[in-house]
Amino acid sequence: MSGRKDIIQPFQTIVDGYMAVDVISTPTNVQYIDRISVLIDFTGTPVGSFFIETSLNYKPPLTDAVDNATWVALDLSPAPIAAGVADSIYIDITQTSAPWIRVKYEATSSDGYCQAWISGKMS
């Protein structure tokens, strides 16, 4: 009989993110998860870049929304972008050692709306 795996049930981390400006998801704790999937759907004609950022020093705010953590983008190849048309992007992250991740969109021009979901499991 095998033990149960740690998982993150799929959940939506960005809801109707307006892509004329930068969009940042809420941080997700992935400390016991080593395979993470991110799905990003977007509409409109946005132009910009997506990032999966990691942090070692993020601490969930207890009484306010101040985030004093250091966030560093993972090196994703090819870099996920919005190229002026509606699209979907799937990102598969394996063997990350970071305890926290978040999705970030940096707007360049135009607009649209994005939705993002995260899920994960142990290998």
PDB file of N, CA and C in Angstrom:
ATOM      1  N   MET A   1       0.844  -1.169   0.000  1.00  0.00           N
ATOM      2  CA  MET A   1       0.000   0.000   0.000  1.00  0.00           C
ATOM      3  C   MET A   1       0.894   1.238   0.000  1.00  0.00           C
ATOM      4  N   SER A   2       0.650   2.137  -0.921  1.00  0.00           N
ATOM      5  CA  SER A   2       1.478   3.341  -1.026  1.00  0.00           C
ATOM      6  C   SER A   2       0.861   4.485  -0.228  1.00  0.00           C
ATOM      7  N   GLY A   3       1.734   5.431   0.160  1.00  0.00           N
ATOM      8  CA  GLY A   3       1.272   6.611   0.881  1.00  0.00           C
ATOM      9  C   GLY A   3       0.654   7.624  -0.063  1.00  0.00           C
ATOM     10  N   ARG A   4      -0.001   8.574   0.517  1.00  0.00           N
ATOM     11  CA  ARG A   4      -0.622   9.635  -0.279  1.00  0.00           C
ATOM     12  C   ARG A   4       0.423  10.665  -0.670  1.00  0.00           C
ATOM     13  N   LYS A   5       0.260  11.231  -1.842  1.00  0.00           N
ATOM     14  CA  LYS A   5       1.137  12.297  -2.316  1.00  0.00           C
ATOM     15  C   LYS A   5       0.607  13.648  -1.853  1.00  0.00           C
ATOM     16  N   ASP A   6       1.539  14.582  -1.611  1.00  0.00           N
ATOM     17  CA  ASP A   6       1.137  15.960  -1.398  1.00  0.00           C
ATOM     18  C   ASP A   6       0.721  16.528  -2.746  1.00  0.00           C
ATOM     19  N   ILE A   7      -0.372  17.274  -2.763  1.00  0.00           N
ATOM     20  CA  ILE A   7      -0.855  17.883  -4.003  1.00  0.00           C
ATOM     21  C   ILE A   7      -1.375  19.287  -3.724  1.00  0.00           C
ATOM     22  N   ILE A   8      -1.460  20.052  -4.782  1.00  0.00           N
ATOM     23  CA  ILE A   8      -2.195  21.315  -4.772  1.00  0.00           C
ATOM     24  C   ILE A   8      -3.329  21.124  -5.764  1.00  0.00           C
ATOM     25  N   GLN A   9      -4.544  21.102  -5.272  1.00  0.00           N
ATOM     26  CA  GLN A   9      -5.695  20.994  -6.164  1.00  0.00           C
ATOM     27  C   GLN A   9      -5.697  22.203  -7.100  1.00  0.00           C
ATOM     28  N   PRO A  10      -6.086  22.033  -8.362  1.00  0.00           N
ATOM     29  CA  PRO A  10      -6.134  23.187  -9.266  1.00  0.00           C
ATOM     30  C   PRO A  10      -6.999  24.308  -8.675  1.00  0.00           C
ATOM     31  N   PHE A  11      -6.451  25.513  -8.699  1.00  0.00           N
ATOM     32  CA  PHE A  11      -7.216  26.668  -8.235  1.00  0.00           C
ATOM     33  C   PHE A  11      -6.830  27.883  -9.057  1.00  0.00           C
ATOM     34  N   GLN A  12      -7.729  28.835  -9.128  1.00  0.00           N
ATOM     35  CA  GLN A  12      -7.504  30.035  -9.922  1.00  0.00           C
ATOM     36  C   GLN A  12      -6.790  31.077  -9.077  1.00  0.00           C
ATOM     37  N   THR A  13      -5.603  31.491  -9.530  1.00  0.00           N
ATOM     38  CA  THR A  13      -4.782  32.445  -8.792  1.00  0.00           C
ATOM     39  C   THR A  13      -4.856  33.861  -9.363  1.00  0.00           C
ATOM     40  N   ILE A  14      -5.276  33.999 -10.626  1.00  0.00           N
ATOM     41  CA  ILE A  14      -5.574  35.315 -11.206  1.00  0.00           C
ATOM     42  C   ILE A  14      -6.972  35.236 -11.801  1.00  0.00           C
ATOM     43  N   VAL A  15      -7.819  36.169 -11.410  1.00  0.00           N
ATOM     44  CA  VAL A  15      -9.193  36.246 -11.918  1.00  0.00           C
ATOM     45  C   VAL A  15      -9.359  37.606 -12.592  1.00  0.00           C
ATOM     46  N   ASP A  16      -9.620  37.584 -13.891  1.00  0.00           N
ATOM     47  CA  ASP A  16      -9.869  38.811 -14.659  1.00  0.00           C
ATOM     48  C   ASP A  16      -8.779  39.868 -14.466  1.00  0.00           C
ATOM     49  N   GLY A  17      -7.518  39.453 -14.606  1.00  0.00           N
ATOM     50  CA  GLY A  17      -6.405  40.401 -14.521  1.00  0.00           C
ATOM     51  C   GLY A  17      -6.407  41.310 -15.742  1.00  0.00           C
ATOM     52  N   TYR A  18      -6.481  42.613 -15.524  1.00  0.00           N
ATOM     53  CA  TYR A  18      -6.546  43.580 -16.626  1.00  0.00           C
ATOM     54  C   TYR A  18      -5.137  43.809 -17.163  1.00  0.00           C
ATOM     55  N   MET A  19      -4.904  43.432 -18.420  1.00  0.00           N
ATOM     56  CA  MET A  19      -3.570  43.345 -18.989  1.00  0.00           C
ATOM     57  C   MET A  19      -3.040  44.631 -19.612  1.00  0.00           C
ATOM     58  N   ALA A  20      -3.711  45.759 -19.392  1.00  0.00           N
ATOM     59  CA  ALA A  20      -3.144  47.041 -19.826  1.00  0.00           C
ATOM     60  C   ALA A  20      -2.092  47.504 -18.821  1.00  0.00           C
ATOM     61  N   VAL A  21      -2.095  46.873 -17.646  1.00  0.00           N
ATOM     62  CA  VAL A  21      -1.132  47.163 -16.585  1.00  0.00           C
ATOM     63  C   VAL A  21      -0.538  45.841 -16.100  1.00  0.00           C
ATOM     64  N   ASP A  22       0.506  45.919 -15.286  1.00  0.00           N
ATOM     65  CA  ASP A  22       1.107  44.707 -14.735  1.00  0.00           C
ATOM     66  C   ASP A  22       0.107  43.981 -13.836  1.00  0.00           C
ATOM     67  N   VAL A  23       0.173  42.638 -13.855  1.00  0.00           N
ATOM     68  CA  VAL A  23      -0.715  41.795 -13.053  1.00  0.00           C
ATOM     69  C   VAL A  23       0.162  40.832 -12.250  1.00  0.00           C
ATOM     70  N   ILE A  24      -0.122  40.698 -10.955  1.00  0.00           N
ATOM     71  CA  ILE A  24       0.632  39.773 -10.101  1.00  0.00           C
ATOM     72  C   ILE A  24      -0.357  38.926  -9.315  1.00  0.00           C
ATOM     73  N   SER A  25      -0.159  37.606  -9.339  1.00  0.00           N
ATOM     74  CA  SER A  25      -1.040  36.706  -8.598  1.00  0.00           C
ATOM     75  C   SER A  25      -0.688  36.714  -7.113  1.00  0.00           C
ATOM     76  N   THR A  26      -1.556  36.140  -6.331  1.00  0.00           N
ATOM     77  CA  THR A  26      -1.225  35.917  -4.930  1.00  0.00           C
ATOM     78  C   THR A  26      -0.157  34.821  -4.869  1.00  0.00           C
ATOM     79  N   PRO A  27       0.753  34.883  -3.910  1.00  0.00           N
ATOM     80  CA  PRO A  27       1.771  33.838  -3.777  1.00  0.00           C
ATOM     81  C   PRO A  27       1.144  32.496  -3.405  1.00  0.00           C
ATOM     82  N   THR A  28       1.768  31.432  -3.895  1.00  0.00           N
ATOM     83  CA  THR A  28       1.317  30.068  -3.619  1.00  0.00           C
ATOM     84  C   THR A  28       2.448  29.306  -2.938  1.00  0.00           C
ATOM     85  N   ASN A  29       2.130  28.645  -1.819  1.00  0.00           N
ATOM     86  CA  ASN A  29       3.122  27.838  -1.115  1.00  0.00           C
ATOM     87  C   ASN A  29       3.272  26.496  -1.829  1.00  0.00           C
ATOM     88  N   VAL A  30       4.484  26.231  -2.311  1.00  0.00           N
ATOM     89  CA  VAL A  30       4.780  24.982  -3.018  1.00  0.00           C
ATOM     90  C   VAL A  30       5.916  24.225  -2.328  1.00  0.00           C
ATOM     91  N   GLN A  31       6.075  24.447  -1.038  1.00  0.00           N
ATOM     92  CA  GLN A  31       7.208  23.918  -0.295  1.00  0.00           C
ATOM     93  C   GLN A  31       7.325  22.399  -0.386  1.00  0.00           C
ATOM     94  N   TYR A  32       6.226  21.675  -0.393  1.00  0.00           N
ATOM     95  CA  TYR A  32       6.281  20.211  -0.428  1.00  0.00           C
ATOM     96  C   TYR A  32       5.859  19.649  -1.772  1.00  0.00           C
ATOM     97  N   ILE A  33       5.898  20.472  -2.799  1.00  0.00           N
ATOM     98  CA  ILE A  33       5.451  20.105  -4.137  1.00  0.00           C
ATOM     99  C   ILE A  33       6.630  20.243  -5.090  1.00  0.00           C
ATOM    100  N   ASP A  34       6.873  19.244  -5.929  1.00  0.00           N
ATOM    101  CA  ASP A  34       8.011  19.371  -6.845  1.00  0.00           C
ATOM    102  C   ASP A  34       7.631  19.379  -8.320  1.00  0.00           C
ATOM    103  N   ARG A  35       6.377  19.248  -8.631  1.00  0.00           N
ATOM    104  CA  ARG A  35       5.908  19.380 -10.016  1.00  0.00           C
ATOM    105  C   ARG A  35       4.721  20.333  -9.993  1.00  0.00           C
ATOM    106  N   ILE A  36       4.882  21.476 -10.661  1.00  0.00           N
ATOM    107  CA  ILE A  36       3.866  22.520 -10.623  1.00  0.00           C
ATOM    108  C   ILE A  36       3.442  22.845 -12.043  1.00  0.00           C
ATOM    109  N   SER A  37       2.149  22.979 -12.240  1.00  0.00           N
ATOM    110  CA  SER A  37       1.653  23.385 -13.553  1.00  0.00           C
ATOM    111  C   SER A  37       0.900  24.702 -13.413  1.00  0.00           C
ATOM    112  N   VAL A  38       1.099  25.544 -14.429  1.00  0.00           N
ATOM    113  CA  VAL A  38       0.443  26.849 -14.476  1.00  0.00           C
ATOM    114  C   VAL A  38      -0.225  26.971 -15.844  1.00  0.00           C
ATOM    115  N   LEU A  39      -1.496  27.313 -15.852  1.00  0.00           N
ATOM    116  CA  LEU A  39      -2.228  27.563 -17.088  1.00  0.00           C
ATOM    117  C   LEU A  39      -2.672  29.010 -17.085  1.00  0.00           C
ATOM    118  N   ILE A  40      -2.357  29.715 -18.178  1.00  0.00           N
ATOM    119  CA  ILE A  40      -2.745  31.120 -18.317  1.00  0.00           C
ATOM    120  C   ILE A  40      -3.564  31.254 -19.596  1.00  0.00           C
ATOM    121  N   ASP A  41      -4.772  31.769 -19.480  1.00  0.00           N
ATOM    122  CA  ASP A  41      -5.633  32.069 -20.622  1.00  0.00           C
ATOM    123  C   ASP A  41      -5.792  33.577 -20.693  1.00  0.00           C
ATOM    124  N   PHE A  42      -5.733  34.138 -21.909  1.00  0.00           N
ATOM    125  CA  PHE A  42      -5.951  35.574 -22.013  1.00  0.00           C
ATOM    126  C   PHE A  42      -6.683  35.928 -23.288  1.00  0.00           C
ATOM    127  N   THR A  43      -7.424  37.035 -23.203  1.00  0.00           N
ATOM    128  CA  THR A  43      -8.246  37.531 -24.302  1.00  0.00           C
ATOM    129  C   THR A  43      -7.726  38.888 -24.739  1.00  0.00           C
ATOM    130  N   GLY A  44      -8.314  39.424 -25.795  1.00  0.00           N
ATOM    131  CA  GLY A  44      -7.950  40.760 -26.255  1.00  0.00           C
ATOM    132  C   GLY A  44      -6.704  40.738 -27.124  1.00  0.00           C
ATOM    133  N   THR A  45      -5.966  41.849 -27.088  1.00  0.00           N
ATOM    134  CA  THR A  45      -4.766  41.995 -27.917  1.00  0.00           C
ATOM    135  C   THR A  45      -3.560  42.436 -27.082  1.00  0.00           C
ATOM    136  N   PRO A  46      -3.331  41.802 -25.926  1.00  0.00           N
ATOM    137  CA  PRO A  46      -2.247  42.257 -25.068  1.00  0.00           C
ATOM    138  C   PRO A  46      -0.873  41.919 -25.638  1.00  0.00           C
ATOM    139  N   VAL A  47       0.088  42.784 -25.328  1.00  0.00           N
ATOM    140  CA  VAL A  47       1.490  42.532 -25.652  1.00  0.00           C
ATOM    141  C   VAL A  47       2.260  42.696 -24.348  1.00  0.00           C
ATOM    142  N   GLY A  48       2.988  41.642 -23.958  1.00  0.00           N
ATOM    143  CA  GLY A  48       3.753  41.692 -22.723  1.00  0.00           C
ATOM    144  C   GLY A  48       4.375  40.349 -22.423  1.00  0.00           C
ATOM    145  N   SER A  49       4.966  40.236 -21.254  1.00  0.00           N
ATOM    146  CA  SER A  49       5.693  39.020 -20.864  1.00  0.00           C
ATOM    147  C   SER A  49       5.146  38.445 -19.567  1.00  0.00           C
ATOM    148  N   PHE A  50       5.125  37.113 -19.510  1.00  0.00           N
ATOM    149  CA  PHE A  50       4.732  36.398 -18.298  1.00  0.00           C
ATOM    150  C   PHE A  50       5.977  35.854 -17.612  1.00  0.00           C
ATOM    151  N   PHE A  51       5.913  35.797 -16.292  1.00  0.00           N
ATOM    152  CA  PHE A  51       7.010  35.262 -15.496  1.00  0.00           C
ATOM    153  C   PHE A  51       6.443  34.388 -14.390  1.00  0.00           C
ATOM    154  N   ILE A  52       7.194  33.364 -14.018  1.00  0.00           N
ATOM    155  CA  ILE A  52       6.934  32.626 -12.792  1.00  0.00           C
ATOM    156  C   ILE A  52       8.040  33.070 -11.846  1.00  0.00           C
ATOM    157  N   GLU A  53       7.646  33.728 -10.763  1.00  0.00           N
ATOM    158  CA  GLU A  53       8.622  34.245  -9.819  1.00  0.00           C
ATOM    159  C   GLU A  53       8.657  33.369  -8.565  1.00  0.00           C
ATOM    160  N   THR A  54       9.839  33.281  -7.957  1.00  0.00           N
ATOM    161  CA  THR A  54      10.031  32.479  -6.753  1.00  0.00           C
ATOM    162  C   THR A  54      10.548  33.357  -5.626  1.00  0.00           C
ATOM    163  N   SER A  55      10.295  32.909  -4.399  1.00  0.00           N
ATOM    164  CA  SER A  55      10.804  33.631  -3.235  1.00  0.00           C
ATOM    165  C   SER A  55      11.163  32.651  -2.132  1.00  0.00           C
ATOM    166  N   LEU A  56      12.256  32.950  -1.454  1.00  0.00           N
ATOM    167  CA  LEU A  56      12.652  32.202  -0.259  1.00  0.00           C
ATOM    168  C   LEU A  56      12.258  32.945   1.014  1.00  0.00           C
ATOM    169  N   ASN A  57      12.040  34.257   0.915  1.00  0.00           N
ATOM    170  CA  ASN A  57      11.802  35.039   2.122  1.00  0.00           C
ATOM    171  C   ASN A  57      10.404  35.663   2.210  1.00  0.00           C
ATOM    172  N   TYR A  58       9.475  35.189   1.393  1.00  0.00           N
ATOM    173  CA  TYR A  58       8.101  35.691   1.493  1.00  0.00           C
ATOM    174  C   TYR A  58       7.472  35.180   2.789  1.00  0.00           C
ATOM    175  N   LYS A  59       6.782  36.069   3.483  1.00  0.00           N
ATOM    176  CA  LYS A  59       6.014  35.702   4.671  1.00  0.00           C
ATOM    177  C   LYS A  59       4.613  36.237   4.463  1.00  0.00           C
ATOM    178  N   PRO A  60       3.610  35.369   4.531  1.00  0.00           N
ATOM    179  CA  PRO A  60       2.242  35.851   4.321  1.00  0.00           C
ATOM    180  C   PRO A  60       1.920  37.008   5.273  1.00  0.00           C
ATOM    181  N   PRO A  61       1.401  38.102   4.729  1.00  0.00           N
ATOM    182  CA  PRO A  61       1.046  39.230   5.593  1.00  0.00           C
ATOM    183  C   PRO A  61      -0.070  38.845   6.558  1.00  0.00           C
ATOM    184  N   LEU A  62       0.091  39.272   7.783  1.00  0.00           N
ATOM    185  CA  LEU A  62      -0.911  38.945   8.797  1.00  0.00           C
ATOM    186  C   LEU A  62      -1.985  40.011   8.909  1.00  0.00           C
ATOM    187  N   THR A  63      -1.603  41.295   8.799  1.00  0.00           N
ATOM    188  CA  THR A  63      -2.582  42.357   9.009  1.00  0.00           C
ATOM    189  C   THR A  63      -2.683  43.336   7.855  1.00  0.00           C
ATOM    190  N   ASP A  64      -1.800  43.233   6.867  1.00  0.00           N
ATOM    191  CA  ASP A  64      -1.872  44.157   5.741  1.00  0.00           C
ATOM    192  C   ASP A  64      -1.351  43.462   4.486  1.00  0.00           C
ATOM    193  N   ALA A  65      -1.337  44.168   3.392  1.00  0.00           N
ATOM    194  CA  ALA A  65      -0.957  43.573   2.111  1.00  0.00           C
ATOM    195  C   ALA A  65       0.475  43.912   1.710  1.00  0.00           C
ATOM    196  N   VAL A  66       1.328  44.314   2.661  1.00  0.00           N
ATOM    197  CA  VAL A  66       2.704  44.662   2.346  1.00  0.00           C
ATOM    198  C   VAL A  66       3.505  43.392   2.072  1.00  0.00           C
ATOM    199  N   ASP A  67       4.174  43.367   0.936  1.00  0.00           N
ATOM    200  CA  ASP A  67       5.004  42.229   0.551  1.00  0.00           C
ATOM    201  C   ASP A  67       6.446  42.717   0.461  1.00  0.00           C
ATOM    202  N   ASN A  68       7.238  42.427   1.477  1.00  0.00           N
ATOM    203  CA  ASN A  68       8.634  42.852   1.499  1.00  0.00           C
ATOM    204  C   ASN A  68       9.579  41.764   1.023  1.00  0.00           C
ATOM    205  N   ALA A  69       9.064  40.764   0.348  1.00  0.00           N
ATOM    206  CA  ALA A  69       9.882  39.638  -0.110  1.00  0.00           C
ATOM    207  C   ALA A  69      10.687  40.005  -1.351  1.00  0.00           C
ATOM    208  N   THR A  70      11.710  39.201  -1.601  1.00  0.00           N
ATOM    209  CA  THR A  70      12.476  39.287  -2.835  1.00  0.00           C
ATOM    210  C   THR A  70      11.915  38.238  -3.789  1.00  0.00           C
ATOM    211  N   TRP A  71      11.491  38.669  -4.971  1.00  0.00           N
ATOM    212  CA  TRP A  71      10.930  37.777  -5.977  1.00  0.00           C
ATOM    213  C   TRP A  71      11.870  37.733  -7.178  1.00  0.00           C
ATOM    214  N   VAL A  72      12.213  36.527  -7.621  1.00  0.00           N
ATOM    215  CA  VAL A  72      13.139  36.336  -8.742  1.00  0.00           C
ATOM    216  C   VAL A  72      12.460  35.436  -9.770  1.00  0.00           C
ATOM    217  N   ALA A  73      12.516  35.839 -11.031  1.00  0.00           N
ATOM    218  CA  ALA A  73      11.882  35.068 -12.107  1.00  0.00           C
ATOM    219  C   ALA A  73      12.670  33.805 -12.422  1.00  0.00           C
ATOM    220  N   LEU A  74      11.947  32.690 -12.605  1.00  0.00           N
ATOM    221  CA  LEU A  74      12.569  31.469 -13.102  1.00  0.00           C
ATOM    222  C   LEU A  74      12.978  31.684 -14.551  1.00  0.00           C
ATOM    223  N   ASP A  75      14.014  30.999 -14.983  1.00  0.00           N
ATOM    224  CA  ASP A  75      14.456  31.068 -16.374  1.00  0.00           C
ATOM    225  C   ASP A  75      13.614  30.083 -17.183  1.00  0.00           C
ATOM    226  N   LEU A  76      12.646  30.591 -17.925  1.00  0.00           N
ATOM    227  CA  LEU A  76      11.760  29.746 -18.728  1.00  0.00           C
ATOM    228  C   LEU A  76      12.143  29.879 -20.195  1.00  0.00           C
ATOM    229  N   SER A  77      12.240  28.764 -20.872  1.00  0.00           N
ATOM    230  CA  SER A  77      12.599  28.782 -22.290  1.00  0.00           C
ATOM    231  C   SER A  77      11.648  27.878 -23.063  1.00  0.00           C
ATOM    232  N   PRO A  78      10.940  28.420 -24.037  1.00  0.00           N
ATOM    233  CA  PRO A  78      10.940  29.821 -24.447  1.00  0.00           C
ATOM    234  C   PRO A  78      10.186  30.674 -23.425  1.00  0.00           C
ATOM    235  N   ALA A  79      10.530  31.946 -23.398  1.00  0.00           N
ATOM    236  CA  ALA A  79       9.872  32.870 -22.479  1.00  0.00           C
ATOM    237  C   ALA A  79       8.408  33.021 -22.877  1.00  0.00           C
ATOM    238  N   PRO A  80       7.470  32.848 -21.937  1.00  0.00           N
ATOM    239  CA  PRO A  80       6.048  32.978 -22.268  1.00  0.00           C
ATOM    240  C   PRO A  80       5.658  34.443 -22.479  1.00  0.00           C
ATOM    241  N   ILE A  81       5.025  34.717 -23.613  1.00  0.00           N
ATOM    242  CA  ILE A  81       4.650  36.090 -23.953  1.00  0.00           C
ATOM    243  C   ILE A  81       3.214  36.160 -24.448  1.00  0.00           C
ATOM    244  N   ALA A  82       2.660  37.344 -24.370  1.00  0.00           N
ATOM    245  CA  ALA A  82       1.404  37.678 -25.041  1.00  0.00           C
ATOM    246  C   ALA A  82       1.809  38.500 -26.254  1.00  0.00           C
ATOM    247  N   ALA A  83       1.434  38.042 -27.443  1.00  0.00           N
ATOM    248  CA  ALA A  83       1.925  38.648 -28.682  1.00  0.00           C
ATOM    249  C   ALA A  83       0.840  39.361 -29.473  1.00  0.00           C
ATOM    250  N   GLY A  84      -0.146  39.935 -28.789  1.00  0.00           N
ATOM    251  CA  GLY A  84      -1.146  40.733 -29.474  1.00  0.00           C
ATOM    252  C   GLY A  84      -2.384  39.981 -29.920  1.00  0.00           C
ATOM    253  N   VAL A  85      -2.516  38.712 -29.522  1.00  0.00           N
ATOM    254  CA  VAL A  85      -3.709  37.923 -29.839  1.00  0.00           C
ATOM    255  C   VAL A  85      -4.104  37.112 -28.609  1.00  0.00           C
ATOM    256  N   ALA A  86      -5.373  36.754 -28.525  1.00  0.00           N
ATOM    257  CA  ALA A  86      -5.832  35.888 -27.444  1.00  0.00           C
ATOM    258  C   ALA A  86      -5.121  34.545 -27.552  1.00  0.00           C
ATOM    259  N   ASP A  87      -4.769  33.954 -26.409  1.00  0.00           N
ATOM    260  CA  ASP A  87      -4.005  32.705 -26.445  1.00  0.00           C
ATOM    261  C   ASP A  87      -4.073  32.025 -25.083  1.00  0.00           C
ATOM    262  N   SER A  88      -3.459  30.851 -24.996  1.00  0.00           N
ATOM    263  CA  SER A  88      -3.289  30.113 -23.740  1.00  0.00           C
ATOM    264  C   SER A  88      -1.842  29.688 -23.637  1.00  0.00           C
ATOM    265  N   ILE A  89      -1.332  29.670 -22.415  1.00  0.00           N
ATOM    266  CA  ILE A  89       0.046  29.252 -22.162  1.00  0.00           C
ATOM    267  C   ILE A  89       0.015  28.229 -21.042  1.00  0.00           C
ATOM    268  N   TYR A  90       0.740  27.119 -21.237  1.00  0.00           N
ATOM    269  CA  TYR A  90       0.883  26.105 -20.193  1.00  0.00           C
ATOM    270  C   TYR A  90       2.349  26.048 -19.808  1.00  0.00           C
ATOM    271  N   ILE A  91       2.632  26.133 -18.518  1.00  0.00           N
ATOM    272  CA  ILE A  91       4.001  26.090 -18.012  1.00  0.00           C
ATOM    273  C   ILE A  91       4.106  24.910 -17.051  1.00  0.00           C
ATOM    274  N   ASP A  92       5.087  24.043 -17.279  1.00  0.00           N
ATOM    275  CA  ASP A  92       5.325  22.872 -16.438  1.00  0.00           C
ATOM    276  C   ASP A  92       6.649  23.074 -15.712  1.00  0.00           C
ATOM    277  N   ILE A  93       6.607  23.146 -14.399  1.00  0.00           N
ATOM    278  CA  ILE A  93       7.796  23.380 -13.585  1.00  0.00           C
ATOM    279  C   ILE A  93       8.105  22.090 -12.832  1.00  0.00           C
ATOM    280  N   THR A  94       9.312  21.577 -13.010  1.00  0.00           N
ATOM    281  CA  THR A  94       9.694  20.341 -12.329  1.00  0.00           C
ATOM    282  C   THR A  94      10.871  20.596 -11.392  1.00  0.00           C
ATOM    283  N   GLN A  95      10.814  19.971 -10.249  1.00  0.00           N
ATOM    284  CA  GLN A  95      11.909  19.976  -9.283  1.00  0.00           C
ATOM    285  C   GLN A  95      12.331  21.359  -8.811  1.00  0.00           C
ATOM    286  N   THR A  96      11.396  22.215  -8.519  1.00  0.00           N
ATOM    287  CA  THR A  96      11.756  23.515  -7.945  1.00  0.00           C
ATOM    288  C   THR A  96      12.025  23.365  -6.446  1.00  0.00           C
ATOM    289  N   SER A  97      12.970  24.114  -5.955  1.00  0.00           N
ATOM    290  CA  SER A  97      13.272  24.082  -4.522  1.00  0.00           C
ATOM    291  C   SER A  97      12.697  25.296  -3.800  1.00  0.00           C
ATOM    292  N   ALA A  98      12.077  26.195  -4.527  1.00  0.00           N
ATOM    293  CA  ALA A  98      11.516  27.408  -3.919  1.00  0.00           C
ATOM    294  C   ALA A  98      10.254  27.070  -3.128  1.00  0.00           C
ATOM    295  N   PRO A  99      10.067  27.678  -1.956  1.00  0.00           N
ATOM    296  CA  PRO A  99       8.854  27.418  -1.195  1.00  0.00           C
ATOM    297  C   PRO A  99       7.645  28.240  -1.641  1.00  0.00           C
ATOM    298  N   TRP A 100       7.875  29.334  -2.394  1.00  0.00           N
ATOM    299  CA  TRP A 100       6.786  30.202  -2.829  1.00  0.00           C
ATOM    300  C   TRP A 100       6.938  30.528  -4.305  1.00  0.00           C
ATOM    301  N   ILE A 101       5.816  30.570  -5.028  1.00  0.00           N
ATOM    302  CA  ILE A 101       5.813  31.032  -6.417  1.00  0.00           C
ATOM    303  C   ILE A 101       4.640  31.988  -6.615  1.00  0.00           C
ATOM    304  N   ARG A 102       4.744  32.772  -7.678  1.00  0.00           N
ATOM    305  CA  ARG A 102       3.619  33.598  -8.112  1.00  0.00           C
ATOM    306  C   ARG A 102       3.744  33.821  -9.613  1.00  0.00           C
ATOM    307  N   VAL A 103       2.635  34.177 -10.246  1.00  0.00           N
ATOM    308  CA  VAL A 103       2.600  34.476 -11.675  1.00  0.00           C
ATOM    309  C   VAL A 103       2.613  35.990 -11.822  1.00  0.00           C
ATOM    310  N   LYS A 104       3.438  36.477 -12.755  1.00  0.00           N
ATOM    311  CA  LYS A 104       3.503  37.916 -12.995  1.00  0.00           C
ATOM    312  C   LYS A 104       3.394  38.189 -14.486  1.00  0.00           C
ATOM    313  N   TYR A 105       2.635  39.216 -14.840  1.00  0.00           N
ATOM    314  CA  TYR A 105       2.540  39.683 -16.218  1.00  0.00           C
ATOM    315  C   TYR A 105       3.033  41.117 -16.246  1.00  0.00           C
ATOM    316  N   GLU A 106       3.986  41.420 -17.135  1.00  0.00           N
ATOM    317  CA  GLU A 106       4.459  42.784 -17.332  1.00  0.00           C
ATOM    318  C   GLU A 106       3.921  43.286 -18.668  1.00  0.00           C
ATOM    319  N   ALA A 107       3.061  44.290 -18.598  1.00  0.00           N
ATOM    320  CA  ALA A 107       2.396  44.830 -19.786  1.00  0.00           C
ATOM    321  C   ALA A 107       3.352  45.695 -20.598  1.00  0.00           C
ATOM    322  N   THR A 108       3.236  45.563 -21.919  1.00  0.00           N
ATOM    323  CA  THR A 108       3.979  46.424 -22.832  1.00  0.00           C
ATOM    324  C   THR A 108       3.013  47.367 -23.548  1.00  0.00           C
ATOM    325  N   SER A 109       1.939  46.799 -24.126  1.00  0.00           N
ATOM    326  CA  SER A 109       0.950  47.633 -24.812  1.00  0.00           C
ATOM    327  C   SER A 109      -0.370  46.883 -24.944  1.00  0.00           C
ATOM    328  N   SER A 110      -1.389  47.615 -25.358  1.00  0.00           N
ATOM    329  CA  SER A 110      -2.734  47.111 -25.612  1.00  0.00           C
ATOM    330  C   SER A 110      -3.343  46.537 -24.335  1.00  0.00           C
ATOM    331  N   ASP A 111      -4.429  45.764 -24.475  1.00  0.00           N
ATOM    332  CA  ASP A 111      -5.071  45.229 -23.285  1.00  0.00           C
ATOM    333  C   ASP A 111      -5.826  43.946 -23.559  1.00  0.00           C
ATOM    334  N   GLY A 112      -6.336  43.376 -22.515  1.00  0.00           N
ATOM    335  CA  GLY A 112      -7.088  42.137 -22.517  1.00  0.00           C
ATOM    336  C   GLY A 112      -7.275  41.728 -21.065  1.00  0.00           C
ATOM    337  N   TYR A 113      -7.762  40.520 -20.857  1.00  0.00           N
ATOM    338  CA  TYR A 113      -7.952  39.993 -19.508  1.00  0.00           C
ATOM    339  C   TYR A 113      -7.327  38.619 -19.421  1.00  0.00           C
ATOM    340  N   CYS A 114      -6.678  38.337 -18.279  1.00  0.00           N
ATOM    341  CA  CYS A 114      -6.069  37.009 -18.119  1.00  0.00           C
ATOM    342  C   CYS A 114      -6.628  36.319 -16.898  1.00  0.00           C
ATOM    343  N   GLN A 115      -6.619  34.994 -16.994  1.00  0.00           N
ATOM    344  CA  GLN A 115      -6.995  34.084 -15.923  1.00  0.00           C
ATOM    345  C   GLN A 115      -5.795  33.139 -15.762  1.00  0.00           C
ATOM    346  N   ALA A 116      -5.457  32.779 -14.535  1.00  0.00           N
ATOM    347  CA  ALA A 116      -4.355  31.840 -14.323  1.00  0.00           C
ATOM    348  C   ALA A 116      -4.744  30.828 -13.246  1.00  0.00           C
ATOM    349  N   TRP A 117      -4.343  29.590 -13.472  1.00  0.00           N
ATOM    350  CA  TRP A 117      -4.595  28.490 -12.544  1.00  0.00           C
ATOM    351  C   TRP A 117      -3.270  27.826 -12.200  1.00  0.00           C
ATOM    352  N   ILE A 118      -3.170  27.297 -10.988  1.00  0.00           N
ATOM    353  CA  ILE A 118      -1.991  26.561 -10.522  1.00  0.00           C
ATOM    354  C   ILE A 118      -2.439  25.242  -9.961  1.00  0.00           C
ATOM    355  N   SER A 119      -1.632  24.207 -10.196  1.00  0.00           N
ATOM    356  CA  SER A 119      -1.840  22.891  -9.620  1.00  0.00           C
ATOM    357  C   SER A 119      -0.460  22.290  -9.366  1.00  0.00           C
ATOM    358  N   GLY A 120      -0.391  21.260  -8.530  1.00  0.00           N
ATOM    359  CA  GLY A 120       0.906  20.647  -8.303  1.00  0.00           C
ATOM    360  C   GLY A 120       0.787  19.312  -7.608  1.00  0.00           C
ATOM    361  N   LYS A 121       1.904  18.560  -7.640  1.00  0.00           N
ATOM    362  CA  LYS A 121       1.943  17.259  -6.979  1.00  0.00           C
ATOM    363  C   LYS A 121       3.395  16.850  -6.736  1.00  0.00           C
ATOM    364  N   MET A 122       3.560  15.897  -5.872  1.00  0.00           N
ATOM    365  CA  MET A 122       4.863  15.270  -5.670  1.00  0.00           C
ATOM    366  C   MET A 122       5.080  14.275  -6.791  1.00  0.00           C
ATOM    367  N   SER A 123       6.326  14.076  -7.153  1.00  0.00           N
ATOM    368  CA  SER A 123       6.647  13.092  -8.219  1.00  0.00           C
ATOM    369  C   SER A 123       6.419  11.684  -7.722  1.00  0.00           C
TER     370      SER A 123
END
